[in-house]
């Protein structure tokens, strides 16, 4: 995941935008539009808002990743 460019929203906007699906460490992000089907593992601890066209997948159990 590329953290740049960073864009900031107000706390009020964050509360209105992020009503469910809060990202946690170890979640997978999946893009639904160009570029389609990019996947990455969340390693960000601080709260942040997800953009449109991104799905946050939260696994039920532990995952083992190998490349």
PDB file of N, CA and C in Angstrom:
ATOM      1  N   UNK A   1       0.849  -1.172   0.000  1.00  0.00           N
ATOM      2  CA  UNK A   1       0.000   0.000   0.000  1.00  0.00           C
ATOM      3  C   UNK A   1       0.891   1.230   0.000  1.00  0.00           C
ATOM      4  N   UNK A   2       0.545   2.168  -0.820  1.00  0.00           N
ATOM      5  CA  UNK A   2       1.270   3.430  -0.877  1.00  0.00           C
ATOM      6  C   UNK A   2       0.506   4.455  -0.039  1.00  0.00           C
ATOM      7  N   UNK A   3       1.166   5.034   0.929  1.00  0.00           N
ATOM      8  CA  UNK A   3       0.504   6.016   1.806  1.00  0.00           C
ATOM      9  C   UNK A   3       0.527   7.432   1.233  1.00  0.00           C
ATOM     10  N   UNK A   4       1.078   7.622   0.088  1.00  0.00           N
ATOM     11  CA  UNK A   4       1.142   8.948  -0.526  1.00  0.00           C
ATOM     12  C   UNK A   4       0.292   8.967  -1.787  1.00  0.00           C
ATOM     13  N   UNK A   5      -0.365  10.041  -2.106  1.00  0.00           N
ATOM     14  CA  UNK A   5      -0.433  11.262  -1.316  1.00  0.00           C
ATOM     15  C   UNK A   5      -1.400  11.090  -0.147  1.00  0.00           C
ATOM     16  N   UNK A   6      -1.070  11.731   0.948  1.00  0.00           N
ATOM     17  CA  UNK A   6      -1.962  11.713   2.119  1.00  0.00           C
ATOM     18  C   UNK A   6      -2.975  12.835   1.981  1.00  0.00           C
ATOM     19  N   UNK A   7      -4.199  12.499   2.269  1.00  0.00           N
ATOM     20  CA  UNK A   7      -5.267  13.489   2.275  1.00  0.00           C
ATOM     21  C   UNK A   7      -5.928  13.435   3.638  1.00  0.00           C
ATOM     22  N   UNK A   8      -6.336  14.566   4.140  1.00  0.00           N
ATOM     23  CA  UNK A   8      -6.906  14.638   5.484  1.00  0.00           C
ATOM     24  C   UNK A   8      -8.347  15.090   5.420  1.00  0.00           C
ATOM     25  N   UNK A   9      -9.150  14.529   6.308  1.00  0.00           N
ATOM     26  CA  UNK A   9     -10.544  14.930   6.449  1.00  0.00           C
ATOM     27  C   UNK A   9     -10.770  15.312   7.904  1.00  0.00           C
ATOM     28  N   UNK A  10     -11.826  16.056   8.136  1.00  0.00           N
ATOM     29  CA  UNK A  10     -12.135  16.469   9.505  1.00  0.00           C
ATOM     30  C   UNK A  10     -12.624  15.271  10.308  1.00  0.00           C
ATOM     31  N   UNK A  11     -12.564  15.404  11.611  1.00  0.00           N
ATOM     32  CA  UNK A  11     -13.065  14.344  12.487  1.00  0.00           C
ATOM     33  C   UNK A  11     -14.557  14.121  12.249  1.00  0.00           C
ATOM     34  N   UNK A  12     -15.276  15.186  11.997  1.00  0.00           N
ATOM     35  CA  UNK A  12     -16.717  15.095  11.731  1.00  0.00           C
ATOM     36  C   UNK A  12     -16.972  14.291  10.455  1.00  0.00           C
ATOM     37  N   UNK A  13     -16.225  14.587   9.403  1.00  0.00           N
ATOM     38  CA  UNK A  13     -16.368  13.850   8.149  1.00  0.00           C
ATOM     39  C   UNK A  13     -15.998  12.381   8.342  1.00  0.00           C
ATOM     40  N   UNK A  14     -14.944  12.116   9.117  1.00  0.00           N
ATOM     41  CA  UNK A  14     -14.535  10.739   9.402  1.00  0.00           C
ATOM     42  C   UNK A  14     -15.681   9.975  10.053  1.00  0.00           C
ATOM     43  N   UNK A  15     -16.325  10.583  11.043  1.00  0.00           N
ATOM     44  CA  UNK A  15     -17.425   9.916  11.752  1.00  0.00           C
ATOM     45  C   UNK A  15     -18.624   9.676  10.843  1.00  0.00           C
ATOM     46  N   UNK A  16     -18.865  10.594   9.899  1.00  0.00           N
ATOM     47  CA  UNK A  16     -19.971  10.418   8.958  1.00  0.00           C
ATOM     48  C   UNK A  16     -19.633   9.351   7.912  1.00  0.00           C
ATOM     49  N   UNK A  17     -18.406   9.325   7.442  1.00  0.00           N
ATOM     50  CA  UNK A  17     -17.981   8.430   6.366  1.00  0.00           C
ATOM     51  C   UNK A  17     -17.768   7.000   6.868  1.00  0.00           C
ATOM     52  N   UNK A  18     -17.065   6.866   7.977  1.00  0.00           N
ATOM     53  CA  UNK A  18     -16.701   5.547   8.485  1.00  0.00           C
ATOM     54  C   UNK A  18     -17.695   5.111   9.564  1.00  0.00           C
ATOM     55  N   UNK A  19     -18.747   4.424   9.159  1.00  0.00           N
ATOM     56  CA  UNK A  19     -19.774   3.984  10.100  1.00  0.00           C
ATOM     57  C   UNK A  19     -19.657   2.494  10.420  1.00  0.00           C
ATOM     58  N   UNK A  20     -18.863   1.741   9.628  1.00  0.00           N
ATOM     59  CA  UNK A  20     -18.660   0.314   9.859  1.00  0.00           C
ATOM     60  C   UNK A  20     -17.419  -0.131   9.098  1.00  0.00           C
ATOM     61  N   UNK A  21     -16.953  -1.321   9.379  1.00  0.00           N
ATOM     62  CA  UNK A  21     -15.805  -1.859   8.657  1.00  0.00           C
ATOM     63  C   UNK A  21     -14.503  -1.160   8.957  1.00  0.00           C
ATOM     64  N   UNK A  22     -14.291  -0.788  10.210  1.00  0.00           N
ATOM     65  CA  UNK A  22     -13.067  -0.084  10.574  1.00  0.00           C
ATOM     66  C   UNK A  22     -11.851  -0.989  10.352  1.00  0.00           C
ATOM     67  N   UNK A  23     -10.875  -0.536   9.564  1.00  0.00           N
ATOM     68  CA  UNK A  23      -9.711  -1.368   9.265  1.00  0.00           C
ATOM     69  C   UNK A  23      -8.894  -1.701  10.513  1.00  0.00           C
ATOM     70  N   UNK A  24      -8.446  -2.954  10.574  1.00  0.00           N
ATOM     71  CA  UNK A  24      -7.600  -3.426  11.665  1.00  0.00           C
ATOM     72  C   UNK A  24      -6.316  -3.996  11.060  1.00  0.00           C
ATOM     73  N   UNK A  25      -5.287  -4.093  11.877  1.00  0.00           N
ATOM     74  CA  UNK A  25      -4.045  -4.723  11.436  1.00  0.00           C
ATOM     75  C   UNK A  25      -4.353  -6.135  10.940  1.00  0.00           C
ATOM     76  N   UNK A  26      -3.834  -6.489   9.783  1.00  0.00           N
ATOM     77  CA  UNK A  26      -4.034  -7.820   9.230  1.00  0.00           C
ATOM     78  C   UNK A  26      -5.208  -7.944   8.278  1.00  0.00           C
ATOM     79  N   UNK A  27      -6.025  -6.885   8.154  1.00  0.00           N
ATOM     80  CA  UNK A  27      -7.121  -6.914   7.188  1.00  0.00           C
ATOM     81  C   UNK A  27      -6.563  -6.843   5.778  1.00  0.00           C
ATOM     82  N   UNK A  28      -7.348  -7.325   4.831  1.00  0.00           N
ATOM     83  CA  UNK A  28      -6.978  -7.247   3.421  1.00  0.00           C
ATOM     84  C   UNK A  28      -7.828  -6.183   2.750  1.00  0.00           C
ATOM     85  N   UNK A  29      -7.206  -5.387   1.908  1.00  0.00           N
ATOM     86  CA  UNK A  29      -7.922  -4.396   1.109  1.00  0.00           C
ATOM     87  C   UNK A  29      -7.943  -4.885  -0.333  1.00  0.00           C
ATOM     88  N   UNK A  30      -9.079  -4.720  -0.982  1.00  0.00           N
ATOM     89  CA  UNK A  30      -9.292  -5.205  -2.334  1.00  0.00           C
ATOM     90  C   UNK A  30      -9.930  -4.083  -3.135  1.00  0.00           C
ATOM     91  N   UNK A  31      -9.331  -3.698  -4.259  1.00  0.00           N
ATOM     92  CA  UNK A  31      -9.900  -2.632  -5.081  1.00  0.00           C
ATOM     93  C   UNK A  31     -10.928  -3.203  -6.043  1.00  0.00           C
ATOM     94  N   UNK A  32     -12.017  -2.457  -6.252  1.00  0.00           N
ATOM     95  CA  UNK A  32     -13.100  -2.919  -7.104  1.00  0.00           C
ATOM     96  C   UNK A  32     -13.177  -2.177  -8.433  1.00  0.00           C
ATOM     97  N   UNK A  33     -12.259  -1.264  -8.672  1.00  0.00           N
ATOM     98  CA  UNK A  33     -12.221  -0.523  -9.914  1.00  0.00           C
ATOM     99  C   UNK A  33     -10.778  -0.245 -10.264  1.00  0.00           C
ATOM    100  N   UNK A  34     -10.556   0.264 -11.451  1.00  0.00           N
ATOM    101  CA  UNK A  34      -9.196   0.466 -11.972  1.00  0.00           C
ATOM    102  C   UNK A  34      -8.301   1.143 -10.955  1.00  0.00           C
ATOM    103  N   UNK A  35      -7.204   0.496 -10.629  1.00  0.00           N
ATOM    104  CA  UNK A  35      -6.812  -0.838 -11.074  1.00  0.00           C
ATOM    105  C   UNK A  35      -7.590  -1.906 -10.301  1.00  0.00           C
ATOM    106  N   UNK A  36      -8.263  -2.775 -11.031  1.00  0.00           N
ATOM    107  CA  UNK A  36      -9.135  -3.794 -10.456  1.00  0.00           C
ATOM    108  C   UNK A  36      -8.346  -4.904  -9.786  1.00  0.00           C
ATOM    109  N   UNK A  37      -8.820  -5.337  -8.639  1.00  0.00           N
ATOM    110  CA  UNK A  37      -8.325  -6.514  -7.928  1.00  0.00           C
ATOM    111  C   UNK A  37      -6.923  -6.367  -7.344  1.00  0.00           C
ATOM    112  N   UNK A  38      -6.515  -5.159  -7.052  1.00  0.00           N
ATOM    113  CA  UNK A  38      -5.275  -5.003  -6.282  1.00  0.00           C
ATOM    114  C   UNK A  38      -5.585  -5.408  -4.844  1.00  0.00           C
ATOM    115  N   UNK A  39      -4.680  -6.126  -4.219  1.00  0.00           N
ATOM    116  CA  UNK A  39      -4.871  -6.602  -2.852  1.00  0.00           C
ATOM    117  C   UNK A  39      -3.667  -6.203  -2.028  1.00  0.00           C
ATOM    118  N   UNK A  40      -3.898  -5.775  -0.792  1.00  0.00           N
ATOM    119  CA  UNK A  40      -2.778  -5.495   0.109  1.00  0.00           C
ATOM    120  C   UNK A  40      -3.191  -5.798   1.542  1.00  0.00           C
ATOM    121  N   UNK A  41      -2.205  -5.979   2.371  1.00  0.00           N
ATOM    122  CA  UNK A  41      -2.389  -6.284   3.789  1.00  0.00           C
ATOM    123  C   UNK A  41      -2.264  -4.999   4.585  1.00  0.00           C
ATOM    124  N   UNK A  42      -3.215  -4.735   5.471  1.00  0.00           N
ATOM    125  CA  UNK A  42      -3.163  -3.519   6.286  1.00  0.00           C
ATOM    126  C   UNK A  42      -2.128  -3.649   7.398  1.00  0.00           C
ATOM    127  N   UNK A  43      -1.230  -2.682   7.449  1.00  0.00           N
ATOM    128  CA  UNK A  43      -0.224  -2.602   8.515  1.00  0.00           C
ATOM    129  C   UNK A  43      -0.282  -1.255   9.229  1.00  0.00           C
ATOM    130  N   UNK A  44      -1.379  -0.510   9.029  1.00  0.00           N
ATOM    131  CA  UNK A  44      -1.531   0.825   9.613  1.00  0.00           C
ATOM    132  C   UNK A  44      -2.297   0.716  10.920  1.00  0.00           C
ATOM    133  N   UNK A  45      -1.729   1.235  11.996  1.00  0.00           N
ATOM    134  CA  UNK A  45      -2.370   1.148  13.314  1.00  0.00           C
ATOM    135  C   UNK A  45      -3.340   2.285  13.586  1.00  0.00           C
ATOM    136  N   UNK A  46      -3.018   3.508  13.146  1.00  0.00           N
ATOM    137  CA  UNK A  46      -3.865   4.646  13.471  1.00  0.00           C
ATOM    138  C   UNK A  46      -5.141   4.621  12.628  1.00  0.00           C
ATOM    139  N   UNK A  47      -6.228   5.222  13.146  1.00  0.00           N
ATOM    140  CA  UNK A  47      -7.493   5.248  12.410  1.00  0.00           C
ATOM    141  C   UNK A  47      -7.334   5.980  11.078  1.00  0.00           C
ATOM    142  N   UNK A  48      -7.999   5.464  10.045  1.00  0.00           N
ATOM    143  CA  UNK A  48      -8.002   6.135   8.750  1.00  0.00           C
ATOM    144  C   UNK A  48      -9.274   5.763   8.004  1.00  0.00           C
ATOM    145  N   UNK A  49      -9.644   6.609   7.054  1.00  0.00           N
ATOM    146  CA  UNK A  49     -10.847   6.386   6.260  1.00  0.00           C
ATOM    147  C   UNK A  49     -10.468   5.696   4.957  1.00  0.00           C
ATOM    148  N   UNK A  50     -11.262   4.730   4.572  1.00  0.00           N
ATOM    149  CA  UNK A  50     -11.068   4.060   3.293  1.00  0.00           C
ATOM    150  C   UNK A  50     -11.753   4.848   2.189  1.00  0.00           C
ATOM    151  N   UNK A  51     -11.157   4.821   1.030  1.00  0.00           N
ATOM    152  CA  UNK A  51     -11.735   5.481  -0.132  1.00  0.00           C
ATOM    153  C   UNK A  51     -12.857   4.634  -0.713  1.00  0.00           C
ATOM    154  N   UNK A  52     -13.606   5.240  -1.620  1.00  0.00           N
ATOM    155  CA  UNK A  52     -14.603   4.473  -2.350  1.00  0.00           C
ATOM    156  C   UNK A  52     -13.885   3.441  -3.194  1.00  0.00           C
ATOM    157  N   UNK A  53     -14.599   2.408  -3.569  1.00  0.00           N
ATOM    158  CA  UNK A  53     -14.081   1.359  -4.440  1.00  0.00           C
ATOM    159  C   UNK A  53     -13.010   0.500  -3.788  1.00  0.00           C
ATOM    160  N   UNK A  54     -12.980   0.492  -2.457  1.00  0.00           N
ATOM    161  CA  UNK A  54     -12.064  -0.382  -1.712  1.00  0.00           C
ATOM    162  C   UNK A  54     -12.899  -1.203  -0.734  1.00  0.00           C
ATOM    163  N   UNK A  55     -12.673  -2.502  -0.736  1.00  0.00           N
ATOM    164  CA  UNK A  55     -13.354  -3.400   0.195  1.00  0.00           C
ATOM    165  C   UNK A  55     -12.355  -3.817   1.259  1.00  0.00           C
ATOM    166  N   UNK A  56     -12.782  -3.769   2.514  1.00  0.00           N
ATOM    167  CA  UNK A  56     -11.955  -4.213   3.633  1.00  0.00           C
ATOM    168  C   UNK A  56     -12.429  -5.606   4.034  1.00  0.00           C
ATOM    169  N   UNK A  57     -11.553  -6.596   3.878  1.00  0.00           N
ATOM    170  CA  UNK A  57     -11.881  -7.971   4.237  1.00  0.00           C
ATOM    171  C   UNK A  57     -11.215  -8.309   5.560  1.00  0.00           C
ATOM    172  N   UNK A  58     -12.024  -8.693   6.541  1.00  0.00           N
ATOM    173  CA  UNK A  58     -11.500  -9.028   7.859  1.00  0.00           C
ATOM    174  C   UNK A  58     -11.597 -10.535   8.051  1.00  0.00           C
ATOM    175  N   UNK A  59     -10.450 -11.226   8.075  1.00  0.00           N
ATOM    176  CA  UNK A  59     -10.453 -12.684   8.202  1.00  0.00           C
ATOM    177  C   UNK A  59     -11.033 -13.141   9.535  1.00  0.00           C
ATOM    178  N   UNK A  60     -11.650 -14.320   9.533  1.00  0.00           N
ATOM    179  CA  UNK A  60     -12.194 -14.904  10.750  1.00  0.00           C
ATOM    180  C   UNK A  60     -11.093 -15.477  11.640  1.00  0.00           C
ATOM    181  N   UNK A  61     -10.047 -15.974  11.054  1.00  0.00           N
ATOM    182  CA  UNK A  61      -8.963 -16.589  11.809  1.00  0.00           C
ATOM    183  C   UNK A  61      -7.622 -15.994  11.403  1.00  0.00           C
ATOM    184  N   UNK A  62      -6.566 -16.626  11.845  1.00  0.00           N
ATOM    185  CA  UNK A  62      -5.235 -16.148  11.500  1.00  0.00           C
ATOM    186  C   UNK A  62      -4.886 -16.569  10.078  1.00  0.00           C
ATOM    187  N   UNK A  63      -4.067 -15.770   9.444  1.00  0.00           N
ATOM    188  CA  UNK A  63      -3.618 -16.055   8.094  1.00  0.00           C
ATOM    189  C   UNK A  63      -2.110 -16.245   8.093  1.00  0.00           C
ATOM    190  N   UNK A  64      -1.648 -17.098   7.236  1.00  0.00           N
ATOM    191  CA  UNK A  64      -0.224 -17.253   7.011  1.00  0.00           C
ATOM    192  C   UNK A  64       0.053 -16.869   5.577  1.00  0.00           C
ATOM    193  N   UNK A  65       0.886 -15.859   5.411  1.00  0.00           N
ATOM    194  CA  UNK A  65       1.209 -15.391   4.071  1.00  0.00           C
ATOM    195  C   UNK A  65       2.622 -15.797   3.700  1.00  0.00           C
ATOM    196  N   UNK A  66       2.790 -16.273   2.516  1.00  0.00           N
ATOM    197  CA  UNK A  66       4.132 -16.556   2.026  1.00  0.00           C
ATOM    198  C   UNK A  66       4.214 -16.137   0.579  1.00  0.00           C
ATOM    199  N   UNK A  67       5.340 -15.589   0.206  1.00  0.00           N
ATOM    200  CA  UNK A  67       5.530 -15.099  -1.162  1.00  0.00           C
ATOM    201  C   UNK A  67       6.696 -15.810  -1.792  1.00  0.00           C
TER     202      UNK A  67
END
